[in-house]
Amino acid sequence: GENSTGNDFTDEKKRMIVGQVLEDEDDDDDGDSPIADVVVSLISTANGTIVATTATGPDGNFTFMVPPGIYSLVEDTPDGFTDVTDSDGDDPNVIDVVNVETGDDLDNVFIDEAGS
């Protein structure tokens, strides 16, 4: 084989997207207790495809490790719950812009109410 010189390689550090799904138990639109086993999908804003899905743990937390980019998060609202709000305050089960181009995004929260 031949040697090849002058090649530059770049390893991109994975970025962390962290969030939580919480129940609003007292109708104040704040999260009071965690909701486990909620499916959250990570969507590429570049092409609209699902990059990954995960489920919340017993603490209501979810984590994605992804290449730098801009994503959306979509919560699959659990049966018996209604979406109340989320971190970006727009559509209550979609966080539209999660930008991890330059660093991690650790504050993504979905809030739901039971029985509504």
N, C-alpha and C. Protein backbone atom coordinates (compact mmCIF):
# COMPACT_ATOMS: atom_id res chain seq x y z
N GLY A 1 0.80 -1.16 0.00
CA GLY A 1 0.00 0.00 0.00
C GLY A 1 0.86 1.26 0.00
N GLU A 2 0.24 2.36 -0.30
CA GLU A 2 0.90 3.65 -0.32
C GLU A 2 0.61 4.43 0.95
N ASN A 3 1.57 5.26 1.31
CA ASN A 3 1.34 6.21 2.40
C ASN A 3 0.61 7.41 1.84
N SER A 4 -0.28 7.95 2.63
CA SER A 4 -1.03 9.14 2.23
C SER A 4 -0.75 10.23 3.25
N THR A 5 -0.28 11.37 2.79
CA THR A 5 0.03 12.47 3.70
C THR A 5 -0.87 13.66 3.41
N GLY A 6 -0.87 14.60 4.33
CA GLY A 6 -1.63 15.83 4.14
C GLY A 6 -3.13 15.66 4.40
N ASN A 7 -3.50 14.59 5.07
CA ASN A 7 -4.92 14.37 5.40
C ASN A 7 -5.21 14.92 6.78
N ASP A 8 -6.25 15.69 6.90
CA ASP A 8 -6.67 16.22 8.19
C ASP A 8 -7.98 15.57 8.59
N PHE A 9 -8.03 15.08 9.83
CA PHE A 9 -9.24 14.46 10.35
C PHE A 9 -9.70 15.23 11.57
N THR A 10 -10.99 15.37 11.69
CA THR A 10 -11.56 16.07 12.84
C THR A 10 -12.55 15.16 13.53
N ASP A 11 -12.35 14.96 14.82
CA ASP A 11 -13.32 14.22 15.62
C ASP A 11 -14.21 15.23 16.31
N GLU A 12 -15.51 15.13 16.07
CA GLU A 12 -16.44 16.03 16.72
C GLU A 12 -16.88 15.43 18.04
N LYS A 13 -16.81 16.25 19.06
CA LYS A 13 -17.27 15.82 20.38
C LYS A 13 -18.79 15.76 20.36
N LYS A 14 -19.32 14.66 20.89
CA LYS A 14 -20.78 14.53 21.00
C LYS A 14 -21.29 15.57 21.99
N ARG A 15 -22.50 16.04 21.74
CA ARG A 15 -23.16 17.01 22.61
C ARG A 15 -24.26 16.29 23.39
N MET A 16 -24.55 16.82 24.56
CA MET A 16 -25.56 16.24 25.42
C MET A 16 -26.82 17.10 25.41
N ILE A 17 -27.96 16.46 25.17
CA ILE A 17 -29.26 17.11 25.30
C ILE A 17 -29.97 16.40 26.45
N VAL A 18 -30.30 17.17 27.48
CA VAL A 18 -30.89 16.61 28.69
C VAL A 18 -32.21 17.31 28.97
N GLY A 19 -33.16 16.56 29.49
CA GLY A 19 -34.43 17.16 29.85
C GLY A 19 -35.18 16.31 30.85
N GLN A 20 -36.42 16.73 31.10
CA GLN A 20 -37.23 16.07 32.11
C GLN A 20 -38.70 16.21 31.73
N VAL A 21 -39.50 15.20 32.06
CA VAL A 21 -40.95 15.26 31.92
C VAL A 21 -41.53 15.23 33.32
N LEU A 22 -42.33 16.26 33.62
CA LEU A 22 -42.87 16.42 34.97
C LEU A 22 -44.39 16.54 34.94
N GLU A 23 -45.01 16.14 36.05
CA GLU A 23 -46.45 16.29 36.21
C GLU A 23 -46.75 17.55 37.01
N ASP A 24 -47.72 18.32 36.53
CA ASP A 24 -48.23 19.48 37.26
C ASP A 24 -49.40 18.98 38.10
N GLU A 25 -49.19 18.85 39.41
CA GLU A 25 -50.21 18.26 40.29
C GLU A 25 -51.15 19.29 40.89
N ASP A 26 -50.82 20.59 40.81
CA ASP A 26 -51.63 21.60 41.49
C ASP A 26 -52.09 22.74 40.56
N ASP A 27 -52.13 22.46 39.26
CA ASP A 27 -52.65 23.40 38.26
C ASP A 27 -51.98 24.77 38.24
N ASP A 28 -50.67 24.81 38.55
CA ASP A 28 -49.96 26.09 38.48
C ASP A 28 -48.99 26.15 37.30
N ASP A 29 -49.06 25.15 36.42
CA ASP A 29 -48.20 25.04 35.23
C ASP A 29 -46.72 24.87 35.56
N ASP A 30 -46.41 24.45 36.78
CA ASP A 30 -45.04 24.10 37.16
C ASP A 30 -44.97 22.59 37.36
N GLY A 31 -43.81 22.02 37.08
CA GLY A 31 -43.62 20.59 37.28
C GLY A 31 -43.44 20.26 38.74
N ASP A 32 -44.20 19.28 39.22
CA ASP A 32 -44.14 18.92 40.63
C ASP A 32 -43.50 17.55 40.87
N SER A 33 -43.77 16.59 40.00
CA SER A 33 -43.20 15.25 40.19
C SER A 33 -42.86 14.63 38.84
N PRO A 34 -41.85 13.75 38.81
CA PRO A 34 -41.40 13.16 37.55
C PRO A 34 -42.41 12.15 37.00
N ILE A 35 -42.40 12.00 35.68
CA ILE A 35 -43.20 10.98 35.00
C ILE A 35 -42.22 10.04 34.29
N ALA A 36 -42.27 8.77 34.65
CA ALA A 36 -41.37 7.76 34.07
C ALA A 36 -41.96 7.18 32.79
N ASP A 37 -41.09 6.61 31.98
CA ASP A 37 -41.46 5.85 30.78
C ASP A 37 -42.16 6.67 29.70
N VAL A 38 -41.86 7.96 29.62
CA VAL A 38 -42.41 8.81 28.56
C VAL A 38 -41.43 8.79 27.39
N VAL A 39 -41.93 8.52 26.20
CA VAL A 39 -41.09 8.48 25.01
C VAL A 39 -40.85 9.90 24.50
N VAL A 40 -39.58 10.23 24.29
CA VAL A 40 -39.18 11.52 23.73
C VAL A 40 -38.36 11.24 22.47
N SER A 41 -38.71 11.92 21.38
CA SER A 41 -38.00 11.75 20.11
C SER A 41 -37.16 12.99 19.82
N LEU A 42 -36.00 12.75 19.23
CA LEU A 42 -35.10 13.80 18.80
C LEU A 42 -35.20 13.90 17.28
N ILE A 43 -35.54 15.08 16.78
CA ILE A 43 -35.78 15.29 15.36
C ILE A 43 -34.71 16.23 14.79
N SER A 44 -34.16 15.87 13.64
CA SER A 44 -33.22 16.76 12.95
C SER A 44 -34.00 17.89 12.30
N THR A 45 -33.61 19.14 12.60
CA THR A 45 -34.28 20.27 11.94
C THR A 45 -33.81 20.41 10.50
N ALA A 46 -32.68 19.79 10.16
CA ALA A 46 -32.16 19.88 8.79
C ALA A 46 -33.06 19.14 7.80
N ASN A 47 -33.59 17.97 8.22
CA ASN A 47 -34.38 17.18 7.26
C ASN A 47 -35.66 16.58 7.85
N GLY A 48 -35.95 16.86 9.12
CA GLY A 48 -37.20 16.41 9.72
C GLY A 48 -37.26 14.95 10.11
N THR A 49 -36.13 14.25 10.04
CA THR A 49 -36.13 12.83 10.38
C THR A 49 -35.88 12.63 11.87
N ILE A 50 -36.39 11.50 12.37
CA ILE A 50 -36.14 11.13 13.76
C ILE A 50 -34.71 10.62 13.86
N VAL A 51 -33.92 11.25 14.72
CA VAL A 51 -32.52 10.87 14.92
C VAL A 51 -32.43 9.77 15.97
N ALA A 52 -33.25 9.88 17.03
CA ALA A 52 -33.22 8.91 18.12
C ALA A 52 -34.48 9.06 18.95
N THR A 53 -34.80 8.02 19.70
CA THR A 53 -35.87 8.09 20.69
C THR A 53 -35.34 7.49 21.98
N THR A 54 -35.93 7.92 23.09
CA THR A 54 -35.58 7.37 24.39
C THR A 54 -36.80 7.48 25.29
N ALA A 55 -36.75 6.84 26.43
CA ALA A 55 -37.83 6.94 27.41
C ALA A 55 -37.26 7.52 28.70
N THR A 56 -38.09 8.29 29.39
CA THR A 56 -37.65 8.87 30.66
C THR A 56 -37.45 7.78 31.70
N GLY A 57 -36.51 8.04 32.60
CA GLY A 57 -36.26 7.13 33.71
C GLY A 57 -37.22 7.41 34.86
N PRO A 58 -37.03 6.72 35.98
CA PRO A 58 -37.90 6.92 37.15
C PRO A 58 -37.89 8.36 37.66
N ASP A 59 -36.80 9.08 37.38
CA ASP A 59 -36.67 10.48 37.80
C ASP A 59 -37.24 11.45 36.77
N GLY A 60 -37.86 10.90 35.70
CA GLY A 60 -38.43 11.73 34.64
C GLY A 60 -37.42 12.29 33.67
N ASN A 61 -36.15 11.95 33.85
CA ASN A 61 -35.08 12.52 33.02
C ASN A 61 -34.86 11.73 31.74
N PHE A 62 -34.40 12.44 30.70
CA PHE A 62 -33.98 11.81 29.46
C PHE A 62 -32.69 12.47 29.00
N THR A 63 -31.87 11.72 28.24
CA THR A 63 -30.59 12.21 27.73
C THR A 63 -30.36 11.68 26.32
N PHE A 64 -29.87 12.56 25.46
CA PHE A 64 -29.41 12.17 24.13
C PHE A 64 -27.96 12.63 24.00
N MET A 65 -27.10 11.81 23.38
CA MET A 65 -25.74 12.19 23.02
C MET A 65 -25.70 12.24 21.49
N VAL A 66 -25.45 13.44 20.94
CA VAL A 66 -25.59 13.64 19.49
C VAL A 66 -24.45 14.48 18.93
N PRO A 67 -24.23 14.40 17.62
CA PRO A 67 -23.27 15.31 16.99
C PRO A 67 -23.78 16.75 17.10
N PRO A 68 -22.88 17.73 17.05
CA PRO A 68 -23.32 19.12 17.06
C PRO A 68 -24.36 19.37 15.97
N GLY A 69 -25.36 20.17 16.30
CA GLY A 69 -26.41 20.46 15.34
C GLY A 69 -27.58 21.17 16.00
N ILE A 70 -28.66 21.29 15.25
CA ILE A 70 -29.88 21.90 15.77
C ILE A 70 -30.99 20.86 15.63
N TYR A 71 -31.69 20.64 16.71
CA TYR A 71 -32.69 19.58 16.79
C TYR A 71 -33.99 20.11 17.39
N SER A 72 -35.04 19.30 17.29
CA SER A 72 -36.29 19.52 18.01
C SER A 72 -36.54 18.29 18.88
N LEU A 73 -37.24 18.49 19.98
CA LEU A 73 -37.65 17.40 20.85
C LEU A 73 -39.17 17.28 20.78
N VAL A 74 -39.66 16.05 20.68
CA VAL A 74 -41.10 15.80 20.66
C VAL A 74 -41.43 14.78 21.73
N GLU A 75 -42.34 15.17 22.62
CA GLU A 75 -42.80 14.27 23.68
C GLU A 75 -44.03 13.51 23.19
N ASP A 76 -44.02 12.19 23.40
CA ASP A 76 -45.20 11.37 23.13
C ASP A 76 -46.01 11.36 24.43
N THR A 77 -46.99 12.24 24.51
CA THR A 77 -47.74 12.45 25.75
C THR A 77 -48.33 11.13 26.23
N PRO A 78 -48.05 10.76 27.49
CA PRO A 78 -48.54 9.47 27.99
C PRO A 78 -50.07 9.44 28.12
N ASP A 79 -50.64 8.24 27.99
CA ASP A 79 -52.08 8.07 28.17
C ASP A 79 -52.49 8.60 29.53
N GLY A 80 -53.63 9.28 29.57
CA GLY A 80 -54.15 9.82 30.82
C GLY A 80 -53.60 11.18 31.18
N PHE A 81 -52.73 11.73 30.32
CA PHE A 81 -52.13 13.05 30.57
C PHE A 81 -52.47 14.01 29.43
N THR A 82 -52.40 15.29 29.73
CA THR A 82 -52.55 16.36 28.75
C THR A 82 -51.33 17.26 28.83
N ASP A 83 -50.83 17.69 27.67
CA ASP A 83 -49.70 18.63 27.64
C ASP A 83 -50.12 19.97 28.22
N VAL A 84 -49.26 20.54 29.07
CA VAL A 84 -49.54 21.85 29.67
C VAL A 84 -48.62 22.91 29.09
N THR A 85 -47.32 22.68 29.17
CA THR A 85 -46.34 23.64 28.68
C THR A 85 -45.00 22.94 28.51
N ASP A 86 -44.02 23.67 28.02
CA ASP A 86 -42.66 23.15 27.93
C ASP A 86 -41.67 24.31 27.96
N SER A 87 -40.40 23.99 27.84
CA SER A 87 -39.34 24.98 27.99
C SER A 87 -39.45 26.17 27.04
N ASP A 88 -39.90 25.93 25.80
CA ASP A 88 -39.94 27.06 24.86
C ASP A 88 -41.30 27.76 24.84
N GLY A 89 -42.28 27.24 25.60
CA GLY A 89 -43.54 27.93 25.78
C GLY A 89 -44.46 27.95 24.57
N ASP A 90 -44.09 27.25 23.52
CA ASP A 90 -44.90 27.28 22.31
C ASP A 90 -45.81 26.05 22.33
N ASP A 91 -45.69 25.17 21.37
CA ASP A 91 -46.45 23.92 21.33
C ASP A 91 -46.03 23.08 22.54
N PRO A 92 -46.99 22.69 23.42
CA PRO A 92 -46.60 22.09 24.70
C PRO A 92 -45.96 20.70 24.64
N ASN A 93 -45.97 20.02 23.49
CA ASN A 93 -45.26 18.75 23.45
C ASN A 93 -44.10 18.76 22.44
N VAL A 94 -43.71 19.98 21.97
CA VAL A 94 -42.58 20.12 21.05
C VAL A 94 -41.69 21.27 21.54
N ILE A 95 -40.41 20.98 21.70
CA ILE A 95 -39.42 22.03 21.95
C ILE A 95 -38.71 22.23 20.61
N ASP A 96 -38.98 23.37 19.98
CA ASP A 96 -38.61 23.57 18.58
C ASP A 96 -37.12 23.66 18.30
N VAL A 97 -36.38 24.43 19.05
CA VAL A 97 -34.97 24.63 18.73
C VAL A 97 -34.10 24.24 19.91
N VAL A 98 -33.38 23.14 19.72
CA VAL A 98 -32.38 22.71 20.69
C VAL A 98 -31.05 22.82 19.97
N ASN A 99 -30.28 23.86 20.28
CA ASN A 99 -29.05 24.15 19.57
C ASN A 99 -27.85 23.63 20.35
N VAL A 100 -27.22 22.59 19.81
CA VAL A 100 -26.01 22.06 20.43
C VAL A 100 -24.83 22.19 19.47
N GLU A 101 -24.83 23.26 18.69
CA GLU A 101 -23.70 23.53 17.79
C GLU A 101 -22.41 23.76 18.58
N THR A 102 -22.50 24.50 19.68
CA THR A 102 -21.30 24.89 20.41
C THR A 102 -21.23 24.34 21.83
N GLY A 103 -22.26 23.65 22.28
CA GLY A 103 -22.23 23.12 23.65
C GLY A 103 -23.50 22.34 23.96
N ASP A 104 -23.56 21.82 25.17
CA ASP A 104 -24.68 21.01 25.62
C ASP A 104 -25.92 21.87 25.88
N ASP A 105 -27.09 21.23 25.88
CA ASP A 105 -28.36 21.89 26.21
C ASP A 105 -29.02 21.04 27.29
N LEU A 106 -29.08 21.57 28.51
CA LEU A 106 -29.44 20.77 29.68
C LEU A 106 -30.77 21.13 30.31
N ASP A 107 -31.55 22.03 29.73
CA ASP A 107 -32.74 22.56 30.40
C ASP A 107 -34.02 22.39 29.59
N ASN A 108 -34.30 21.20 29.14
CA ASN A 108 -35.50 20.95 28.34
C ASN A 108 -36.55 20.26 29.20
N VAL A 109 -37.67 20.94 29.43
CA VAL A 109 -38.69 20.42 30.35
C VAL A 109 -40.05 20.39 29.67
N PHE A 110 -40.72 19.24 29.78
CA PHE A 110 -42.11 19.09 29.37
C PHE A 110 -42.95 18.95 30.64
N ILE A 111 -44.10 19.63 30.69
CA ILE A 111 -44.98 19.54 31.85
C ILE A 111 -46.37 19.09 31.39
N ASP A 112 -46.88 18.04 32.05
CA ASP A 112 -48.18 17.46 31.73
C ASP A 112 -49.06 17.43 32.97
N GLU A 113 -50.37 17.33 32.74
CA GLU A 113 -51.33 17.15 33.84
C GLU A 113 -52.05 15.82 33.65
N ALA A 114 -52.31 15.13 34.75
CA ALA A 114 -53.04 13.87 34.70
C ALA A 114 -54.53 14.13 34.67
N GLY A 115 -55.24 13.24 33.96
CA GLY A 115 -56.69 13.26 33.99
C GLY A 115 -57.36 14.44 33.36
N SER A 116 -56.66 15.21 32.55
CA SER A 116 -57.28 16.39 31.94
C SER A 116 -57.77 16.07 30.56
